Amino acid sequence: MGSSSPGSLSASWNMVVSPEVTVSRGEDAVLNCSFTHPQQQSYSGTITVKWARAPDSVFFSCSVRNESMEGPTNCSFPGLKHSLHGDPRRGELSLLIREVQLSDNGEYVCRVELDRQRDYREKKIQLHVKGEPQILSLSVVETPSDSGNTTRRLQCEVEGNPLPKLVWLLVSRKMMENQVMTTQTALYRVTSSVPYSEEEVLTCRVESELGEAERTYPPSKTIQPSKTIAPVICGVLVPLLLLISAGVIVYCLRKRIGELYQLYQWIYSWLITLISELIYQHL
């Protein structure tokens, strides 16, 4: 695509792209794009690079003079999501997208312009962003009903590409099938809800070809560590340990019996290990 008048810079242009690029969510993606033209070495005008999600929605643009191959360009932005991955003066137009998200999935247009837009080339690239299933939220929502009462439902919002399958499981791991309401709320999101009663334990489970995930409501209650057990352990066992140690040492010194001293060492090590484990379990 572009002008093709005889003798113009666009004659015999060549643009090469990677038609499709596939990455996983969170990775960096490089959309490869390069060009050559007959007067690439002698052309001293401006090279303008543009990237768009649609023909009229340019989200990245930069220009550089082709007077010298030395020095940096103004097309690299280390701290931004989008940056040029290369030097347009060398025909490199590739786009770097940092930490891609599912919203970055779609079609892109690589475009290069010479001689103030009079001569240009552009080609399309398809970016596929894969996303393993994720549970974004799991909570109880209350909505008023026609009878004036409040209806409580447990709602689960999930995300993934391809769109994951969502199921509800009882505490017995049996699948729930009645009164399940599931809707696709966005391109890569699904929201599902089921009636919920107090103290009921339900699990939201999602799966796709890329993996699986699940979350249970209510969340498991972790046992809070006791603030009194550790002092009690230290207050009782430590003096006991010292008393036993002192008695065994005195006895061994008087009797000079090596076997009993070895027994003391074993008892001492065992008590130290016991105290350490008890304190670790309750801190």
Protein backbone atom coordinates (compact mmCIF):
# COMPACT_ATOMS: atom_id res chain seq x y z
CA MET A 1 0.00 0.00 0.00
CA GLY A 2 1.35 3.47 -0.88
CA SER A 3 2.17 5.70 -3.81
CA SER A 4 3.82 4.18 -6.86
CA SER A 5 4.56 7.06 -9.21
CA PRO A 6 7.56 6.49 -11.54
CA GLY A 7 10.82 7.63 -9.99
CA SER A 8 9.38 8.16 -6.52
CA LEU A 9 11.03 6.79 -3.41
CA SER A 10 8.24 4.27 -3.01
CA ALA A 11 9.12 2.46 -6.25
CA SER A 12 10.57 -0.97 -5.46
CA TRP A 13 9.98 -0.55 -1.75
CA ASN A 14 10.03 -3.69 0.36
CA MET A 15 8.45 -4.11 3.78
CA VAL A 16 8.74 -7.32 5.81
CA VAL A 17 6.69 -8.15 8.91
CA SER A 18 5.92 -11.17 11.06
CA PRO A 19 2.24 -11.69 10.20
CA GLU A 20 1.45 -13.25 13.60
CA VAL A 21 3.13 -12.98 17.00
CA THR A 22 2.06 -15.02 20.05
CA VAL A 23 3.11 -14.28 23.64
CA SER A 24 1.82 -14.96 27.14
CA ARG A 25 0.37 -12.29 29.39
CA GLY A 26 3.07 -10.44 31.31
CA GLU A 27 5.81 -11.07 28.77
CA ASP A 28 7.40 -8.50 26.45
CA ALA A 29 6.36 -8.71 22.79
CA VAL A 30 8.28 -7.58 19.72
CA LEU A 31 6.25 -6.97 16.56
CA ASN A 32 8.87 -7.39 13.85
CA CYS A 33 8.74 -4.89 10.99
CA SER A 34 11.48 -3.69 8.62
CA PHE A 35 11.77 -1.93 5.27
CA THR A 36 14.19 -1.17 2.45
CA HIS A 37 14.00 1.25 -0.49
CA PRO A 38 16.32 1.98 -3.43
CA GLN A 39 17.64 5.28 -2.05
CA GLN A 40 18.05 4.17 1.56
CA GLN A 41 21.73 5.17 1.66
CA SER A 42 21.40 8.50 -0.14
CA TYR A 43 18.05 9.65 1.25
CA SER A 44 18.67 12.46 3.78
CA GLY A 45 15.09 13.39 4.60
CA THR A 46 12.87 12.40 7.50
CA ILE A 47 11.80 8.84 8.27
CA THR A 48 8.54 8.70 10.22
CA VAL A 49 7.43 5.49 11.93
CA LYS A 50 3.84 4.99 13.03
CA TRP A 51 2.10 2.13 14.80
CA ALA A 52 -1.67 1.90 15.00
CA ARG A 53 -4.35 -0.49 16.29
CA ALA A 54 -6.58 0.56 13.38
CA PRO A 55 -5.87 2.63 10.27
CA ASP A 56 -6.89 5.89 11.98
CA SER A 57 -5.84 5.22 15.60
CA VAL A 58 -2.10 5.86 15.77
CA PHE A 59 -0.78 5.29 19.31
CA PHE A 60 2.96 5.51 18.59
CA SER A 61 4.82 7.84 16.23
CA CYS A 62 8.40 9.06 15.96
CA SER A 63 10.58 10.71 13.33
CA VAL A 64 14.31 10.73 12.68
CA ARG A 65 16.49 12.47 10.10
CA ASN A 66 18.39 10.11 7.82
CA GLU A 67 21.40 12.43 7.56
CA SER A 68 23.74 10.33 9.70
CA MET A 69 23.82 6.83 11.18
CA GLU A 70 25.54 8.14 14.29
CA GLY A 71 23.88 9.22 17.50
CA PRO A 72 20.67 8.07 19.21
CA THR A 73 17.15 8.43 17.86
CA ASN A 74 14.12 9.79 19.68
CA CYS A 75 12.22 6.54 19.14
CA SER A 76 13.33 4.57 22.21
CA PHE A 77 11.49 5.10 25.50
CA PRO A 78 12.84 2.71 28.19
CA GLY A 79 10.26 3.68 30.80
CA LEU A 80 7.15 3.49 28.61
CA LYS A 81 4.98 0.58 27.53
CA HIS A 82 5.68 1.14 23.81
CA SER A 83 9.07 1.76 22.27
CA LEU A 84 10.79 1.22 18.94
CA HIS A 85 12.97 -1.88 18.93
CA GLY A 86 15.63 -0.79 16.46
CA ASP A 87 16.83 2.16 14.37
CA PRO A 88 14.68 3.44 11.47
CA ARG A 89 17.85 4.65 9.73
CA ARG A 90 18.76 0.98 9.36
CA GLY A 91 15.29 0.05 8.21
CA GLU A 92 14.28 -1.28 11.64
CA LEU A 93 10.70 -0.43 12.61
CA SER A 94 9.86 -3.20 15.11
CA LEU A 95 7.66 -2.28 18.06
CA LEU A 96 8.44 -3.37 21.63
CA ILE A 97 5.43 -3.79 23.92
CA ARG A 98 6.41 -4.29 27.55
CA GLU A 99 4.44 -6.63 29.82
CA VAL A 100 1.58 -7.31 27.44
CA GLN A 101 -1.93 -7.71 28.79
CA LEU A 102 -5.03 -9.31 27.30
CA SER A 103 -6.18 -5.85 26.21
CA ASP A 104 -3.13 -5.71 23.90
CA ASN A 105 -4.46 -8.65 21.89
CA GLY A 106 -5.46 -7.74 18.34
CA GLU A 107 -4.36 -6.31 15.00
CA TYR A 108 -1.55 -3.77 14.59
CA VAL A 109 -0.45 -1.69 11.61
CA CYS A 110 3.21 -0.89 10.95
CA ARG A 111 3.67 2.20 8.77
CA VAL A 112 6.74 4.08 7.53
CA GLU A 113 6.62 7.43 5.73
CA LEU A 114 9.27 9.25 3.70
CA ASP A 115 9.26 12.67 2.10
CA ARG A 116 6.53 14.08 4.39
CA GLN A 117 3.96 11.31 3.91
CA ARG A 118 4.12 11.47 0.13
CA ASP A 119 5.65 7.99 0.03
CA TYR A 120 4.74 5.29 2.53
CA ARG A 121 4.30 1.61 3.14
CA GLU A 122 2.25 -0.21 5.78
CA LYS A 123 1.43 -3.79 6.70
CA LYS A 124 -0.65 -5.53 9.34
CA ILE A 125 0.47 -7.78 12.19
CA GLN A 126 -1.73 -9.91 14.44
CA LEU A 127 -0.72 -10.11 18.11
CA HIS A 128 -2.09 -13.07 20.07
CA VAL A 129 -1.87 -12.74 23.85
CA LYS A 130 -2.46 -15.95 25.77
CA GLY A 131 -3.73 -15.69 29.33
CA GLU A 132 -4.02 -18.50 31.84
CA PRO A 133 -7.29 -18.57 33.83
CA GLN A 134 -7.38 -16.16 36.75
CA ILE A 135 -10.02 -15.57 39.42
CA LEU A 136 -10.29 -11.82 39.84
CA SER A 137 -12.82 -11.76 42.68
CA LEU A 138 -15.09 -14.02 44.74
CA SER A 139 -17.58 -12.30 47.03
CA VAL A 140 -21.17 -12.22 48.25
CA VAL A 141 -23.41 -9.63 46.61
CA GLU A 142 -26.84 -8.61 47.85
CA THR A 143 -29.55 -7.47 45.47
CA PRO A 144 -33.16 -6.46 46.21
CA SER A 145 -35.82 -8.81 44.87
CA ASP A 146 -39.34 -8.09 43.60
CA SER A 147 -40.79 -9.22 46.93
CA GLY A 148 -38.80 -6.61 48.81
CA ASN A 149 -36.40 -9.09 50.35
CA THR A 150 -32.67 -9.12 49.76
CA THR A 151 -31.19 -11.91 47.68
CA ARG A 152 -27.69 -13.07 48.47
CA ARG A 153 -25.58 -14.59 45.73
CA LEU A 154 -21.96 -15.64 45.62
CA GLN A 155 -20.34 -14.01 42.59
CA CYS A 156 -17.13 -15.07 40.86
CA GLU A 157 -15.37 -12.98 38.20
CA VAL A 158 -12.72 -14.70 36.07
CA GLU A 159 -10.46 -13.79 33.16
CA GLY A 160 -8.43 -15.62 30.53
CA ASN A 161 -7.68 -16.09 26.85
CA PRO A 162 -9.00 -18.39 25.57
CA LEU A 163 -12.08 -17.69 27.66
CA PRO A 164 -12.07 -20.23 30.53
CA LYS A 165 -14.88 -22.55 31.54
CA LEU A 166 -16.35 -21.78 34.98
CA VAL A 167 -18.07 -24.28 37.30
CA TRP A 168 -19.29 -24.21 40.91
CA LEU A 169 -18.45 -27.01 43.35
CA LEU A 170 -20.08 -27.98 46.63
CA VAL A 171 -17.99 -28.92 49.65
CA SER A 172 -18.35 -32.54 48.49
CA ARG A 173 -16.75 -31.48 45.15
CA LYS A 174 -20.05 -32.22 43.41
CA MET A 175 -20.84 -29.75 40.64
CA MET A 176 -23.68 -27.27 41.13
CA GLU A 177 -26.06 -27.00 38.19
CA ASN A 178 -29.20 -25.28 39.48
CA GLN A 179 -29.70 -21.50 39.58
CA VAL A 180 -26.29 -20.78 38.12
CA MET A 181 -26.18 -17.46 36.25
CA THR A 182 -23.17 -16.95 33.95
CA THR A 183 -22.54 -14.04 31.58
CA GLN A 184 -19.60 -12.80 29.54
CA THR A 185 -18.99 -9.29 30.87
CA ALA A 186 -16.01 -8.41 28.66
CA LEU A 187 -14.00 -9.84 25.80
CA TYR A 188 -11.92 -12.05 28.10
CA ARG A 189 -14.02 -11.99 31.30
CA VAL A 190 -16.85 -14.11 32.64
CA THR A 191 -18.99 -13.46 35.72
CA SER A 192 -21.02 -16.21 37.37
CA SER A 193 -23.16 -16.30 40.51
CA VAL A 194 -25.15 -18.81 42.59
CA PRO A 195 -27.54 -18.47 45.56
CA TYR A 196 -25.63 -18.36 48.83
CA SER A 197 -26.67 -19.28 52.37
CA GLU A 198 -24.80 -18.38 55.53
CA GLU A 199 -22.00 -20.81 56.46
CA GLU A 200 -22.25 -22.56 53.09
CA VAL A 201 -18.90 -23.53 51.56
CA LEU A 202 -18.66 -23.18 47.77
CA THR A 203 -15.79 -23.26 45.31
CA CYS A 204 -15.44 -21.33 42.06
CA ARG A 205 -13.30 -23.29 39.59
CA VAL A 206 -12.06 -22.20 36.15
CA GLU A 207 -10.08 -24.08 33.55
CA SER A 208 -8.84 -23.79 29.98
CA GLU A 209 -6.20 -25.39 27.81
CA LEU A 210 -3.62 -23.16 29.53
CA GLY A 211 -4.33 -24.20 33.10
CA GLU A 212 -6.79 -24.06 35.96
CA ALA A 213 -7.55 -22.16 39.15
CA GLU A 214 -10.05 -22.30 41.98
CA ARG A 215 -11.02 -20.35 45.08
CA THR A 216 -13.27 -21.30 48.01
CA TYR A 217 -15.69 -19.11 49.95
CA PRO A 218 -15.56 -18.38 52.78
CA PRO A 219 -11.76 -18.25 52.85
CA SER A 220 -10.04 -20.72 55.15
CA LYS A 221 -9.71 -19.31 58.63
CA THR A 222 -6.13 -19.51 59.72
CA ILE A 223 -5.54 -20.22 63.39
CA GLN A 224 -4.14 -17.17 65.06
CA PRO A 225 -0.95 -17.91 66.98
CA SER A 226 -1.35 -17.82 70.73
CA LYS A 227 0.53 -15.03 72.42
CA THR A 228 0.59 -16.91 75.74
CA ILE A 229 1.74 -20.40 74.75
CA ALA A 230 5.30 -19.44 73.87
CA PRO A 231 6.00 -17.71 77.23
CA VAL A 232 4.49 -20.69 79.05
CA ILE A 233 6.74 -23.07 77.12
CA CYS A 234 9.80 -21.00 77.87
CA GLY A 235 8.80 -20.47 81.50
CA VAL A 236 8.31 -24.18 82.23
CA LEU A 237 10.65 -26.12 79.99
CA VAL A 238 13.70 -23.87 80.10
CA PRO A 239 14.07 -24.03 83.93
CA LEU A 240 13.42 -27.76 83.74
CA LEU A 241 16.15 -28.11 81.14
CA LEU A 242 18.59 -26.15 83.26
CA LEU A 243 17.75 -28.19 86.37
CA ILE A 244 18.24 -31.51 84.60
CA SER A 245 21.45 -30.30 83.01
CA ALA A 246 22.90 -29.16 86.31
CA GLY A 247 22.02 -32.43 88.04
CA VAL A 248 23.48 -34.60 85.32
CA ILE A 249 26.69 -32.55 85.15
CA VAL A 250 27.23 -32.77 88.92
CA TYR A 251 26.53 -36.49 88.94
CA CYS A 252 28.88 -37.13 86.01
CA LEU A 253 31.67 -35.09 87.57
CA ARG A 254 31.38 -37.04 90.79
CA LYS A 255 31.12 -40.49 89.28
CA ARG A 256 33.27 -39.78 86.21
CA ILE A 257 31.11 -42.11 84.21
CA GLY A 258 31.47 -41.40 80.46
CA GLU A 259 28.34 -43.31 79.51
CA LEU A 260 26.15 -41.10 81.68
CA TYR A 261 27.73 -37.98 80.27
CA GLN A 262 26.84 -39.17 76.76
CA LEU A 263 23.29 -39.76 78.01
CA TYR A 264 23.22 -36.21 79.30
CA GLN A 265 24.29 -34.88 75.91
CA TRP A 266 21.51 -36.84 74.21
CA ILE A 267 18.85 -35.62 76.68
CA TYR A 268 20.07 -32.05 76.33
CA SER A 269 19.90 -32.17 72.51
CA TRP A 270 16.44 -33.76 72.61
CA LEU A 271 15.07 -31.09 74.94
CA ILE A 272 16.54 -28.29 72.83
CA THR A 273 14.91 -29.75 69.70
CA LEU A 274 11.56 -30.18 71.49
CA ILE A 275 11.53 -26.60 72.76
CA SER A 276 12.47 -25.24 69.34
CA GLU A 277 9.67 -27.15 67.60
CA LEU A 278 7.06 -26.11 70.16
CA ILE A 279 8.01 -22.45 69.93
CA TYR A 280 8.08 -22.55 66.10
CA GLN A 281 4.60 -24.11 65.93
CA HIS A 282 3.05 -21.43 68.10
CA LEU A 283 4.77 -18.27 66.84
